Amino acid sequence: MKSIIRTIRKKEIISGFYELCKRDGLENVSIAKIGNHLKMPPNLIMHYFSNKRLLVLGLIDYILHQYQLIYKPIILKSEKDSKLDPNLLVDRLFSREWNLLFDDGVFFSCYAFTFRDKTIKNEYKKLHLKLRITLKTMLDKDEELSFRNTELMAEKIFVVIEGAYYYLSMIEDPKEYNHKLAIFKEQVLDLIQSEQSVEK
């Protein structure tokens, strides 16, 4: 029972921390502010997270959980079919839902810690690796890709996605954004379809 309460409380604190980071910026959030926001004594927060660094590590786990929700429609469809729908996959991978599931500003604020903290750097590396493994698992379900190197394919796809999101985050003009987005989506789609066609 205690472990369940502990898990629930930690999720509540991380969720509150995220909301404040999104609103005020990670650098402006303190344990006292989190306590005030959640109407929770700061010493209770420190019982679970004794410093801000541990809060950031908790936030990275939260990022992974949120980002993996992007895959849900693809996983559900692949359970029914033995063939991957490249268009659905690309649409999900480049969906604006990434921004809705987790704020880019908070993501990159956390990422900045990777240059100063080895543990946070390793956690970010694990996050990216888990996203790649999830994608590889989905690619493996496609019979047409069964003899392909899906690990390498997932790596190539994520190189495009990560570079695209970094670049797209700086574009404010909707027309330019959509034009660049179409280019990146086509690049990934071509990659998937060219691998599928090898076996035909």
N, C-alpha and C. Protein backbone atom coordinates (compact mmCIF):
# COMPACT_ATOMS: atom_id res chain seq x y z
N MET A 1 0.83 -1.21 0.00
CA MET A 1 0.00 0.00 0.00
C MET A 1 0.86 1.26 0.00
N LYS A 2 1.93 1.22 0.82
CA LYS A 2 2.83 2.38 0.90
C LYS A 2 3.50 2.65 -0.44
N SER A 3 3.87 1.58 -1.14
CA SER A 3 4.55 1.76 -2.44
C SER A 3 3.60 2.36 -3.47
N ILE A 4 2.31 1.99 -3.40
CA ILE A 4 1.32 2.56 -4.32
C ILE A 4 1.14 4.05 -4.07
N ILE A 5 1.03 4.40 -2.78
CA ILE A 5 0.89 5.81 -2.39
C ILE A 5 2.12 6.60 -2.83
N ARG A 6 3.29 6.00 -2.63
CA ARG A 6 4.55 6.65 -3.02
C ARG A 6 4.57 6.93 -4.53
N THR A 7 4.17 5.93 -5.32
CA THR A 7 4.15 6.08 -6.79
C THR A 7 3.19 7.18 -7.21
N ILE A 8 1.99 7.17 -6.62
CA ILE A 8 0.98 8.19 -6.94
C ILE A 8 1.47 9.58 -6.58
N ARG A 9 2.07 9.70 -5.40
CA ARG A 9 2.57 11.01 -4.93
C ARG A 9 3.69 11.53 -5.82
N LYS A 10 4.60 10.64 -6.21
CA LYS A 10 5.71 11.06 -7.08
C LYS A 10 5.20 11.53 -8.44
N LYS A 11 4.21 10.81 -8.99
CA LYS A 11 3.62 11.23 -10.27
C LYS A 11 2.96 12.59 -10.14
N GLU A 12 2.28 12.81 -9.03
CA GLU A 12 1.61 14.09 -8.79
C GLU A 12 2.62 15.23 -8.74
N ILE A 13 3.74 14.99 -8.05
CA ILE A 13 4.79 16.01 -7.93
C ILE A 13 5.43 16.31 -9.28
N ILE A 14 5.75 15.26 -10.04
CA ILE A 14 6.37 15.44 -11.35
C ILE A 14 5.42 16.17 -12.30
N SER A 15 4.15 15.81 -12.24
CA SER A 15 3.14 16.48 -13.08
C SER A 15 3.05 17.96 -12.74
N GLY A 16 3.07 18.28 -11.44
CA GLY A 16 3.04 19.68 -11.01
C GLY A 16 4.31 20.42 -11.42
N PHE A 17 5.44 19.74 -11.30
CA PHE A 17 6.73 20.30 -11.71
C PHE A 17 6.71 20.63 -13.20
N TYR A 18 6.18 19.69 -14.00
CA TYR A 18 6.09 19.90 -15.45
C TYR A 18 5.22 21.11 -15.78
N GLU A 19 4.05 21.20 -15.15
CA GLU A 19 3.13 22.31 -15.42
C GLU A 19 3.79 23.65 -15.12
N LEU A 20 4.54 23.72 -14.03
CA LEU A 20 5.23 24.96 -13.68
C LEU A 20 6.38 25.27 -14.64
N CYS A 21 7.11 24.22 -15.05
CA CYS A 21 8.20 24.41 -16.02
C CYS A 21 7.65 24.93 -17.34
N LYS A 22 6.52 24.40 -17.74
CA LYS A 22 5.86 24.82 -18.97
C LYS A 22 5.43 26.29 -18.88
N ARG A 23 4.93 26.67 -17.72
CA ARG A 23 4.41 28.03 -17.54
C ARG A 23 5.51 29.05 -17.28
N ASP A 24 6.46 28.70 -16.39
CA ASP A 24 7.44 29.68 -15.91
C ASP A 24 8.87 29.45 -16.41
N GLY A 25 9.13 28.28 -16.99
CA GLY A 25 10.50 27.94 -17.38
C GLY A 25 11.17 27.14 -16.28
N LEU A 26 11.86 26.08 -16.65
CA LEU A 26 12.47 25.18 -15.66
C LEU A 26 13.39 25.91 -14.70
N GLU A 27 14.15 26.86 -15.23
CA GLU A 27 15.13 27.58 -14.40
C GLU A 27 14.48 28.43 -13.31
N ASN A 28 13.20 28.73 -13.46
CA ASN A 28 12.50 29.58 -12.49
C ASN A 28 11.65 28.80 -11.49
N VAL A 29 11.70 27.48 -11.57
CA VAL A 29 10.87 26.65 -10.68
C VAL A 29 11.70 26.13 -9.52
N SER A 30 11.18 26.32 -8.32
CA SER A 30 11.83 25.82 -7.11
C SER A 30 10.91 24.83 -6.41
N ILE A 31 11.47 24.11 -5.45
CA ILE A 31 10.67 23.16 -4.68
C ILE A 31 9.57 23.89 -3.92
N ALA A 32 9.88 25.10 -3.44
CA ALA A 32 8.88 25.91 -2.73
C ALA A 32 7.72 26.26 -3.67
N LYS A 33 8.03 26.59 -4.91
CA LYS A 33 6.99 26.93 -5.88
C LYS A 33 6.11 25.72 -6.20
N ILE A 34 6.75 24.56 -6.29
CA ILE A 34 5.99 23.34 -6.55
C ILE A 34 5.03 23.08 -5.40
N GLY A 35 5.54 23.24 -4.18
CA GLY A 35 4.71 23.05 -2.99
C GLY A 35 3.51 23.98 -2.99
N ASN A 36 3.76 25.24 -3.32
CA ASN A 36 2.69 26.23 -3.36
C ASN A 36 1.66 25.87 -4.45
N HIS A 37 2.16 25.44 -5.60
CA HIS A 37 1.30 25.08 -6.72
C HIS A 37 0.41 23.88 -6.39
N LEU A 38 0.98 22.89 -5.70
CA LEU A 38 0.25 21.67 -5.37
C LEU A 38 -0.42 21.73 -4.00
N LYS A 39 -0.24 22.88 -3.32
CA LYS A 39 -0.75 23.02 -1.95
C LYS A 39 -0.23 21.87 -1.07
N MET A 40 1.08 21.71 -1.17
CA MET A 40 1.77 20.61 -0.50
C MET A 40 2.99 21.17 0.23
N PRO A 41 3.25 20.77 1.46
CA PRO A 41 4.43 21.27 2.17
C PRO A 41 5.73 20.94 1.41
N PRO A 42 6.64 21.90 1.26
CA PRO A 42 7.90 21.63 0.54
C PRO A 42 8.67 20.44 1.11
N ASN A 43 8.59 20.25 2.44
CA ASN A 43 9.34 19.13 3.03
C ASN A 43 8.78 17.77 2.58
N LEU A 44 7.48 17.74 2.22
CA LEU A 44 6.90 16.50 1.69
C LEU A 44 7.45 16.22 0.29
N ILE A 45 7.60 17.28 -0.50
CA ILE A 45 8.19 17.13 -1.83
C ILE A 45 9.63 16.64 -1.71
N MET A 46 10.35 17.22 -0.76
CA MET A 46 11.76 16.84 -0.56
C MET A 46 11.89 15.42 0.00
N HIS A 47 10.83 14.90 0.57
CA HIS A 47 10.84 13.51 1.03
C HIS A 47 10.97 12.56 -0.18
N TYR A 48 10.37 12.97 -1.30
CA TYR A 48 10.40 12.16 -2.52
C TYR A 48 11.50 12.59 -3.48
N PHE A 49 11.75 13.89 -3.55
CA PHE A 49 12.78 14.45 -4.42
C PHE A 49 13.58 15.47 -3.62
N SER A 50 14.74 15.06 -3.16
CA SER A 50 15.50 15.92 -2.24
C SER A 50 16.13 17.13 -2.92
N ASN A 51 16.19 17.14 -4.25
CA ASN A 51 16.75 18.30 -4.95
C ASN A 51 16.17 18.38 -6.37
N LYS A 52 16.47 19.48 -7.03
CA LYS A 52 15.91 19.73 -8.37
C LYS A 52 16.43 18.74 -9.40
N ARG A 53 17.65 18.28 -9.22
CA ARG A 53 18.24 17.32 -10.15
C ARG A 53 17.39 16.05 -10.21
N LEU A 54 16.94 15.57 -9.05
CA LEU A 54 16.10 14.37 -9.01
C LEU A 54 14.74 14.62 -9.66
N LEU A 55 14.25 15.84 -9.54
CA LEU A 55 13.01 16.21 -10.22
C LEU A 55 13.18 16.15 -11.74
N VAL A 56 14.32 16.62 -12.22
CA VAL A 56 14.60 16.59 -13.67
C VAL A 56 14.67 15.14 -14.14
N LEU A 57 15.30 14.26 -13.36
CA LEU A 57 15.36 12.84 -13.73
C LEU A 57 13.96 12.24 -13.79
N GLY A 58 13.10 12.63 -12.85
CA GLY A 58 11.71 12.18 -12.88
C GLY A 58 10.97 12.70 -14.09
N LEU A 59 11.31 13.92 -14.49
CA LEU A 59 10.68 14.54 -15.65
C LEU A 59 11.06 13.82 -16.95
N ILE A 60 12.28 13.30 -17.00
CA ILE A 60 12.72 12.56 -18.19
C ILE A 60 11.89 11.27 -18.35
N ASP A 61 11.61 10.59 -17.24
CA ASP A 61 10.73 9.41 -17.29
C ASP A 61 9.34 9.80 -17.78
N TYR A 62 8.88 10.95 -17.34
CA TYR A 62 7.57 11.46 -17.75
C TYR A 62 7.55 11.76 -19.25
N ILE A 63 8.64 12.31 -19.77
CA ILE A 63 8.77 12.59 -21.21
C ILE A 63 8.60 11.28 -21.99
N LEU A 64 9.32 10.25 -21.56
CA LEU A 64 9.27 8.96 -22.27
C LEU A 64 7.84 8.41 -22.29
N HIS A 65 7.20 8.43 -21.15
CA HIS A 65 5.82 7.92 -21.06
C HIS A 65 4.90 8.68 -22.01
N GLN A 66 5.02 9.99 -22.03
CA GLN A 66 4.17 10.82 -22.89
C GLN A 66 4.46 10.56 -24.37
N TYR A 67 5.74 10.50 -24.72
CA TYR A 67 6.11 10.32 -26.12
C TYR A 67 5.67 8.96 -26.66
N GLN A 68 5.68 7.94 -25.82
CA GLN A 68 5.30 6.60 -26.28
C GLN A 68 3.81 6.52 -26.64
N LEU A 69 3.02 7.47 -26.16
CA LEU A 69 1.60 7.50 -26.50
C LEU A 69 1.39 7.75 -28.00
N ILE A 70 2.38 8.39 -28.64
CA ILE A 70 2.32 8.65 -30.09
C ILE A 70 2.16 7.34 -30.86
N TYR A 71 2.77 6.27 -30.36
CA TYR A 71 2.78 5.00 -31.06
C TYR A 71 1.49 4.20 -30.95
N LYS A 72 0.63 4.55 -30.00
CA LYS A 72 -0.53 3.72 -29.69
C LYS A 72 -1.39 3.36 -30.91
N PRO A 73 -1.82 4.35 -31.74
CA PRO A 73 -2.67 3.98 -32.89
C PRO A 73 -1.97 3.02 -33.86
N ILE A 74 -0.65 3.16 -34.00
CA ILE A 74 0.09 2.28 -34.92
C ILE A 74 0.14 0.86 -34.35
N ILE A 75 0.38 0.77 -33.04
CA ILE A 75 0.45 -0.54 -32.38
C ILE A 75 -0.90 -1.26 -32.48
N LEU A 76 -1.97 -0.52 -32.23
CA LEU A 76 -3.32 -1.11 -32.29
C LEU A 76 -3.63 -1.63 -33.70
N LYS A 77 -3.23 -0.85 -34.72
CA LYS A 77 -3.50 -1.27 -36.10
C LYS A 77 -2.62 -2.46 -36.49
N SER A 78 -1.38 -2.44 -36.03
CA SER A 78 -0.47 -3.53 -36.40
C SER A 78 -0.87 -4.86 -35.74
N GLU A 79 -1.64 -4.79 -34.65
CA GLU A 79 -2.12 -6.01 -34.01
C GLU A 79 -3.16 -6.71 -34.88
N LYS A 80 -3.83 -5.93 -35.73
CA LYS A 80 -4.85 -6.49 -36.63
C LYS A 80 -4.24 -6.89 -37.97
N ASP A 81 -3.26 -6.13 -38.43
CA ASP A 81 -2.66 -6.38 -39.75
C ASP A 81 -1.25 -6.94 -39.62
N SER A 82 -0.81 -7.61 -40.64
CA SER A 82 0.58 -8.10 -40.66
C SER A 82 1.46 -7.17 -41.48
N LYS A 83 0.85 -6.09 -41.96
CA LYS A 83 1.59 -5.13 -42.79
C LYS A 83 1.53 -3.74 -42.16
N LEU A 84 2.67 -3.10 -42.15
CA LEU A 84 2.77 -1.75 -41.60
C LEU A 84 2.18 -0.75 -42.59
N ASP A 85 1.43 0.20 -42.08
CA ASP A 85 0.90 1.28 -42.92
C ASP A 85 1.90 2.44 -42.86
N PRO A 86 2.75 2.60 -43.88
CA PRO A 86 3.79 3.64 -43.84
C PRO A 86 3.24 5.04 -43.65
N ASN A 87 2.10 5.32 -44.28
CA ASN A 87 1.53 6.66 -44.18
C ASN A 87 1.07 6.97 -42.76
N LEU A 88 0.44 5.99 -42.11
CA LEU A 88 0.01 6.17 -40.72
C LEU A 88 1.22 6.37 -39.81
N LEU A 89 2.25 5.54 -40.03
CA LEU A 89 3.45 5.64 -39.21
C LEU A 89 4.09 7.02 -39.34
N VAL A 90 4.26 7.48 -40.57
CA VAL A 90 4.89 8.78 -40.80
C VAL A 90 4.04 9.92 -40.23
N ASP A 91 2.73 9.82 -40.41
CA ASP A 91 1.84 10.84 -39.86
C ASP A 91 1.96 10.92 -38.35
N ARG A 92 2.06 9.75 -37.69
CA ARG A 92 2.18 9.73 -36.23
C ARG A 92 3.55 10.25 -35.78
N LEU A 93 4.58 9.84 -36.49
CA LEU A 93 5.94 10.26 -36.10
C LEU A 93 6.14 11.76 -36.26
N PHE A 94 5.42 12.36 -37.19
CA PHE A 94 5.55 13.80 -37.40
C PHE A 94 4.31 14.56 -36.93
N SER A 95 3.54 13.91 -36.08
CA SER A 95 2.31 14.53 -35.58
C SER A 95 2.61 15.69 -34.65
N ARG A 96 1.74 16.70 -34.68
CA ARG A 96 1.86 17.83 -33.75
C ARG A 96 1.54 17.39 -32.33
N GLU A 97 1.04 16.17 -32.19
CA GLU A 97 0.73 15.67 -30.85
C GLU A 97 1.96 15.58 -29.97
N TRP A 98 3.14 15.44 -30.60
CA TRP A 98 4.37 15.45 -29.79
C TRP A 98 4.37 16.71 -28.92
N ASN A 99 4.02 17.85 -29.54
CA ASN A 99 4.02 19.12 -28.82
C ASN A 99 2.94 19.18 -27.75
N LEU A 100 1.82 18.48 -28.02
CA LEU A 100 0.73 18.46 -27.05
C LEU A 100 1.05 17.52 -25.89
N LEU A 101 1.75 16.44 -26.19
CA LEU A 101 2.07 15.47 -25.16
C LEU A 101 3.17 15.96 -24.22
N PHE A 102 4.10 16.75 -24.78
CA PHE A 102 5.16 17.30 -23.94
C PHE A 102 5.71 18.56 -24.58
N ASP A 103 5.83 19.59 -23.78
CA ASP A 103 6.25 20.92 -24.26
C ASP A 103 7.71 20.92 -24.72
N ASP A 104 7.95 21.44 -25.92
CA ASP A 104 9.31 21.50 -26.47
C ASP A 104 10.26 22.29 -25.59
N GLY A 105 9.77 23.40 -25.05
CA GLY A 105 10.61 24.25 -24.20
C GLY A 105 11.12 23.51 -22.98
N VAL A 106 10.24 22.71 -22.36
CA VAL A 106 10.63 21.92 -21.18
C VAL A 106 11.59 20.82 -21.60
N PHE A 107 11.31 20.19 -22.75
CA PHE A 107 12.19 19.13 -23.25
C PHE A 107 13.61 19.63 -23.42
N PHE A 108 13.77 20.77 -24.09
CA PHE A 108 15.11 21.28 -24.36
C PHE A 108 15.77 21.88 -23.11
N SER A 109 14.97 22.37 -22.17
CA SER A 109 15.54 22.85 -20.89
C SER A 109 16.13 21.68 -20.12
N CYS A 110 15.42 20.56 -20.12
CA CYS A 110 15.95 19.35 -19.48
C CYS A 110 17.19 18.85 -20.22
N TYR A 111 17.11 18.89 -21.55
CA TYR A 111 18.21 18.41 -22.38
C TYR A 111 19.50 19.18 -22.10
N ALA A 112 19.38 20.47 -21.78
CA ALA A 112 20.56 21.30 -21.50
C ALA A 112 21.38 20.73 -20.34
N PHE A 113 20.73 20.02 -19.42
CA PHE A 113 21.44 19.42 -18.28
C PHE A 113 22.38 18.31 -18.73
N THR A 114 22.16 17.75 -19.92
CA THR A 114 23.01 16.64 -20.38
C THR A 114 24.46 17.07 -20.56
N PHE A 115 24.68 18.38 -20.75
CA PHE A 115 26.04 18.88 -20.94
C PHE A 115 26.78 19.08 -19.61
N ARG A 116 26.04 18.98 -18.50
CA ARG A 116 26.64 19.22 -17.19
C ARG A 116 26.49 18.05 -16.22
N ASP A 117 25.61 17.13 -16.54
CA ASP A 117 25.30 16.05 -15.59
C ASP A 117 25.31 14.71 -16.34
N LYS A 118 26.25 13.86 -15.97
CA LYS A 118 26.41 12.58 -16.68
C LYS A 118 25.20 11.66 -16.50
N THR A 119 24.60 11.67 -15.31
CA THR A 119 23.44 10.81 -15.05
C THR A 119 22.26 11.23 -15.91
N ILE A 120 22.02 12.54 -15.99
CA ILE A 120 20.92 13.04 -16.82
C ILE A 120 21.20 12.74 -18.29
N LYS A 121 22.46 12.87 -18.68
CA LYS A 121 22.84 12.54 -20.06
C LYS A 121 22.53 11.08 -20.38
N ASN A 122 22.85 10.19 -19.45
CA ASN A 122 22.58 8.76 -19.65
C ASN A 122 21.08 8.47 -19.71
N GLU A 123 20.30 9.20 -18.89
CA GLU A 123 18.85 9.01 -18.89
C GLU A 123 18.24 9.48 -20.20
N TYR A 124 18.77 10.57 -20.75
CA TYR A 124 18.29 11.05 -22.06
C TYR A 124 18.65 10.05 -23.15
N LYS A 125 19.83 9.48 -23.03
CA LYS A 125 20.25 8.47 -24.00
C LYS A 125 19.31 7.26 -23.94
N LYS A 126 18.96 6.85 -22.73
CA LYS A 126 18.03 5.72 -22.55
C LYS A 126 16.67 6.04 -23.14
N LEU A 127 16.22 7.27 -22.94
CA LEU A 127 14.93 7.71 -23.48
C LEU A 127 14.91 7.54 -25.00
N HIS A 128 15.94 8.05 -25.66
CA HIS A 128 16.01 7.97 -27.13
C HIS A 128 16.13 6.52 -27.60
N LEU A 129 16.88 5.72 -26.84
CA LEU A 129 17.05 4.31 -27.19
C LEU A 129 15.71 3.58 -27.09
N LYS A 130 14.94 3.85 -26.05
CA LYS A 130 13.64 3.19 -25.86
C LYS A 130 12.67 3.55 -26.98
N LEU A 131 12.70 4.80 -27.42
CA LEU A 131 11.84 5.20 -28.54
C LEU A 131 12.23 4.47 -29.82
N ARG A 132 13.51 4.28 -30.01
CA ARG A 132 14.00 3.55 -31.19
C ARG A 132 13.61 2.07 -31.11
N ILE A 133 13.71 1.49 -29.91
CA ILE A 133 13.35 0.08 -29.74
C ILE A 133 11.86 -0.12 -30.01
N THR A 134 11.04 0.81 -29.53
CA THR A 134 9.60 0.72 -29.78
C THR A 134 9.31 0.78 -31.28
N LEU A 135 9.99 1.68 -31.98
CA LEU A 135 9.80 1.79 -33.43
C LEU A 135 10.27 0.52 -34.13
N LYS A 136 11.41 0.00 -33.72
CA LYS A 136 11.93 -1.24 -34.31
C LYS A 136 10.92 -2.39 -34.13
N THR A 137 10.32 -2.47 -32.95
CA THR A 137 9.33 -3.51 -32.67
C THR A 137 8.16 -3.41 -33.63
N MET A 138 7.74 -2.20 -33.93
CA MET A 138 6.63 -2.01 -34.88
C MET A 138 7.06 -2.38 -36.30
N LEU A 139 8.27 -2.01 -36.68
CA LEU A 139 8.77 -2.35 -38.01
C LEU A 139 8.89 -3.87 -38.17
N ASP A 140 9.25 -4.55 -37.09
CA ASP A 140 9.41 -6.01 -37.12
C ASP A 140 8.10 -6.74 -37.38
N LYS A 141 6.98 -6.10 -37.09
CA LYS A 141 5.66 -6.72 -37.29
C LYS A 141 5.26 -6.79 -38.77
N ASP A 142 5.94 -6.01 -39.58
CA ASP A 142 5.64 -5.99 -41.02
C ASP A 142 6.36 -7.15 -41.69
N GLU A 143 5.58 -8.06 -42.29
CA GLU A 143 6.16 -9.24 -42.95
C GLU A 143 7.14 -8.85 -44.06
N GLU A 144 6.87 -7.73 -44.72
CA GLU A 144 7.73 -7.30 -45.83
C GLU A 144 9.08 -6.79 -45.34
N LEU A 145 9.17 -6.52 -44.05
CA LEU A 145 10.44 -6.03 -43.49
C LEU A 145 11.14 -7.08 -42.63
N SER A 146 10.61 -8.30 -42.64
CA SER A 146 11.10 -9.34 -41.73
C SER A 146 12.57 -9.70 -41.94
N PHE A 147 13.07 -9.48 -43.14
CA PHE A 147 14.47 -9.83 -43.40
C PHE A 147 15.37 -8.59 -43.50
N ARG A 148 14.82 -7.45 -43.14
CA ARG A 148 15.58 -6.21 -43.20
C ARG A 148 16.20 -5.89 -41.84
N ASN A 149 17.19 -5.01 -41.85
CA ASN A 149 17.82 -4.56 -40.60
C ASN A 149 16.96 -3.43 -40.01
N THR A 150 15.94 -3.83 -39.25
CA THR A 150 14.99 -2.84 -38.72
C THR A 150 15.60 -1.96 -37.63
N GLU A 151 16.64 -2.45 -36.99
CA GLU A 151 17.33 -1.63 -35.99
C GLU A 151 18.00 -0.43 -36.66
N LEU A 152 18.69 -0.69 -37.77
CA LEU A 152 19.32 0.39 -38.53
C LEU A 152 18.27 1.32 -39.14
N MET A 153 17.19 0.74 -39.60
CA MET A 153 16.11 1.52 -40.20
C MET A 153 15.49 2.48 -39.17
N ALA A 154 15.24 1.97 -37.96
CA ALA A 154 14.70 2.81 -36.88
C ALA A 154 15.66 3.94 -36.55
N GLU A 155 16.95 3.64 -36.57
CA GLU A 155 17.98 4.66 -36.29
C GLU A 155 17.94 5.75 -37.35
N LYS A 156 17.87 5.36 -38.61
CA LYS A 156 17.83 6.33 -39.70
C LYS A 156 16.58 7.22 -39.62
N ILE A 157 15.45 6.60 -39.30
CA ILE A 157 14.19 7.35 -39.19
C ILE A 157 14.29 8.38 -38.07
N PHE A 158 14.85 7.98 -36.93
CA PHE A 158 14.92 8.92 -35.81
C PHE A 158 15.94 10.03 -36.03
N VAL A 159 16.96 9.76 -36.81
CA VAL A 159 17.91 10.83 -37.15
C VAL A 159 17.18 11.94 -37.90
N VAL A 160 16.31 11.54 -38.83
CA VAL A 160 15.52 12.53 -39.57
C VAL A 160 14.54 13.24 -38.64
N ILE A 161 13.82 12.48 -37.82
CA ILE A 161 12.79 13.05 -36.93
C ILE A 161 13.40 14.05 -35.96
N GLU A 162 14.48 13.65 -35.30
CA GLU A 162 15.08 14.52 -34.29
C GLU A 162 15.65 15.80 -34.91
N GLY A 163 16.30 15.65 -36.06
CA GLY A 163 16.80 16.83 -36.74
C GLY A 163 15.67 17.73 -37.22
N ALA A 164 14.60 17.09 -37.69
CA ALA A 164 13.45 17.84 -38.19
C ALA A 164 12.80 18.65 -37.08
N TYR A 165 12.57 18.02 -35.93
CA TYR A 165 11.90 18.73 -34.83
C TYR A 165 12.73 19.87 -34.28
N TYR A 166 14.04 19.65 -34.24
CA TYR A 166 14.93 20.72 -33.78
C TYR A 166 14.82 21.93 -34.72
N TYR A 167 14.84 21.65 -36.02
CA TYR A 167 14.79 22.71 -37.02
C TYR A 167 13.41 23.35 -37.09
N LEU A 168 12.36 22.52 -37.09
CA LEU A 168 11.00 23.02 -37.20
C LEU A 168 10.59 23.89 -36.01
N SER A 169 11.19 23.65 -34.86
CA SER A 169 10.85 24.43 -33.66
C SER A 169 11.24 25.91 -33.82
N MET A 170 12.09 26.21 -34.79
CA MET A 170 12.52 27.60 -35.00
C MET A 170 11.72 28.31 -36.10
N ILE A 171 10.83 27.57 -36.76
CA ILE A 171 10.05 28.15 -37.86
C ILE A 171 8.67 28.57 -37.36
N GLU A 172 8.36 29.86 -37.53
CA GLU A 172 7.08 30.38 -37.06
C GLU A 172 6.05 30.53 -38.17
N ASP A 173 6.50 30.72 -39.40
CA ASP A 173 5.59 30.89 -40.51
C ASP A 173 4.94 29.55 -40.86
N PRO A 174 3.60 29.44 -40.78
CA PRO A 174 2.91 28.17 -41.03
C PRO A 174 3.17 27.57 -42.41
N LYS A 175 3.24 28.44 -43.41
CA LYS A 175 3.47 27.96 -44.78
C LYS A 175 4.85 27.33 -44.91
N GLU A 176 5.85 28.00 -44.38
CA GLU A 176 7.21 27.46 -44.42
C GLU A 176 7.30 26.18 -43.60
N TYR A 177 6.65 26.18 -42.43
CA TYR A 177 6.65 25.01 -41.55
C TYR A 177 6.08 23.79 -42.28
N ASN A 178 4.93 23.95 -42.89
CA ASN A 178 4.27 22.84 -43.59
C ASN A 178 5.07 22.36 -44.79
N HIS A 179 5.73 23.30 -45.46
CA HIS A 179 6.57 22.93 -46.61
C HIS A 179 7.74 22.06 -46.16
N LYS A 180 8.44 22.48 -45.09
CA LYS A 180 9.57 21.72 -44.57
C LYS A 180 9.11 20.38 -44.01
N LEU A 181 7.96 20.40 -43.32
CA LEU A 181 7.42 19.17 -42.74
C LEU A 181 7.13 18.14 -43.83
N ALA A 182 6.58 18.58 -44.94
CA ALA A 182 6.27 17.68 -46.06
C ALA A 182 7.55 17.04 -46.60
N ILE A 183 8.63 17.81 -46.64
CA ILE A 183 9.92 17.30 -47.13
C ILE A 183 10.43 16.19 -46.21
N PHE A 184 10.37 16.45 -44.89
CA PHE A 184 10.88 15.47 -43.92
C PHE A 184 10.03 14.19 -43.92
N LYS A 185 8.71 14.37 -44.02
CA LYS A 185 7.81 13.21 -44.04
C LYS A 185 8.07 12.36 -45.28
N GLU A 186 8.27 13.01 -46.41
CA GLU A 186 8.55 12.29 -47.67
C GLU A 186 9.86 11.52 -47.58
N GLN A 187 10.83 12.10 -46.89
CA GLN A 187 12.13 11.46 -46.74
C GLN A 187 12.00 10.14 -45.97
N VAL A 188 11.23 10.16 -44.88
CA VAL A 188 11.03 8.95 -44.07
C VAL A 188 10.16 7.95 -44.82
N LEU A 189 9.14 8.44 -45.49
CA LEU A 189 8.26 7.56 -46.25
C LEU A 189 9.03 6.83 -47.34
N ASP A 190 9.89 7.53 -48.03
CA ASP A 190 10.73 6.92 -49.08
C ASP A 190 11.62 5.84 -48.49
N LEU A 191 12.15 6.11 -47.31
CA LEU A 191 13.04 5.16 -46.65
C LEU A 191 12.30 3.85 -46.32
N ILE A 192 11.10 3.98 -45.77
CA ILE A 192 10.30 2.81 -45.41
C ILE A 192 9.89 2.02 -46.66
N GLN A 193 9.37 2.74 -47.64
CA GLN A 193 8.87 2.09 -48.85
C GLN A 193 9.98 1.44 -49.67
N SER A 194 11.16 2.04 -49.66
CA SER A 194 12.28 1.45 -50.40
C SER A 194 12.72 0.15 -49.74
N GLU A 195 12.64 0.09 -48.40
CA GLU A 195 12.99 -1.15 -47.68
C GLU A 195 11.93 -2.21 -47.93
N GLN A 196 10.66 -1.83 -47.97
CA GLN A 196 9.58 -2.78 -48.23
C GLN A 196 9.69 -3.37 -49.63
N SER A 197 10.06 -2.52 -50.59
CA SER A 197 10.10 -2.94 -52.00
C SER A 197 11.27 -3.87 -52.31
N VAL A 198 12.29 -3.92 -51.44
CA VAL A 198 13.46 -4.77 -51.68
C VAL A 198 13.05 -6.25 -51.76
N GLU A 199 12.05 -6.62 -50.92
CA GLU A 199 11.66 -8.02 -50.86
C GLU A 199 10.68 -8.42 -51.97
N LYS A 200 10.15 -7.43 -52.72
CA LYS A 200 9.16 -7.74 -53.75
C LYS A 200 9.83 -8.23 -55.02
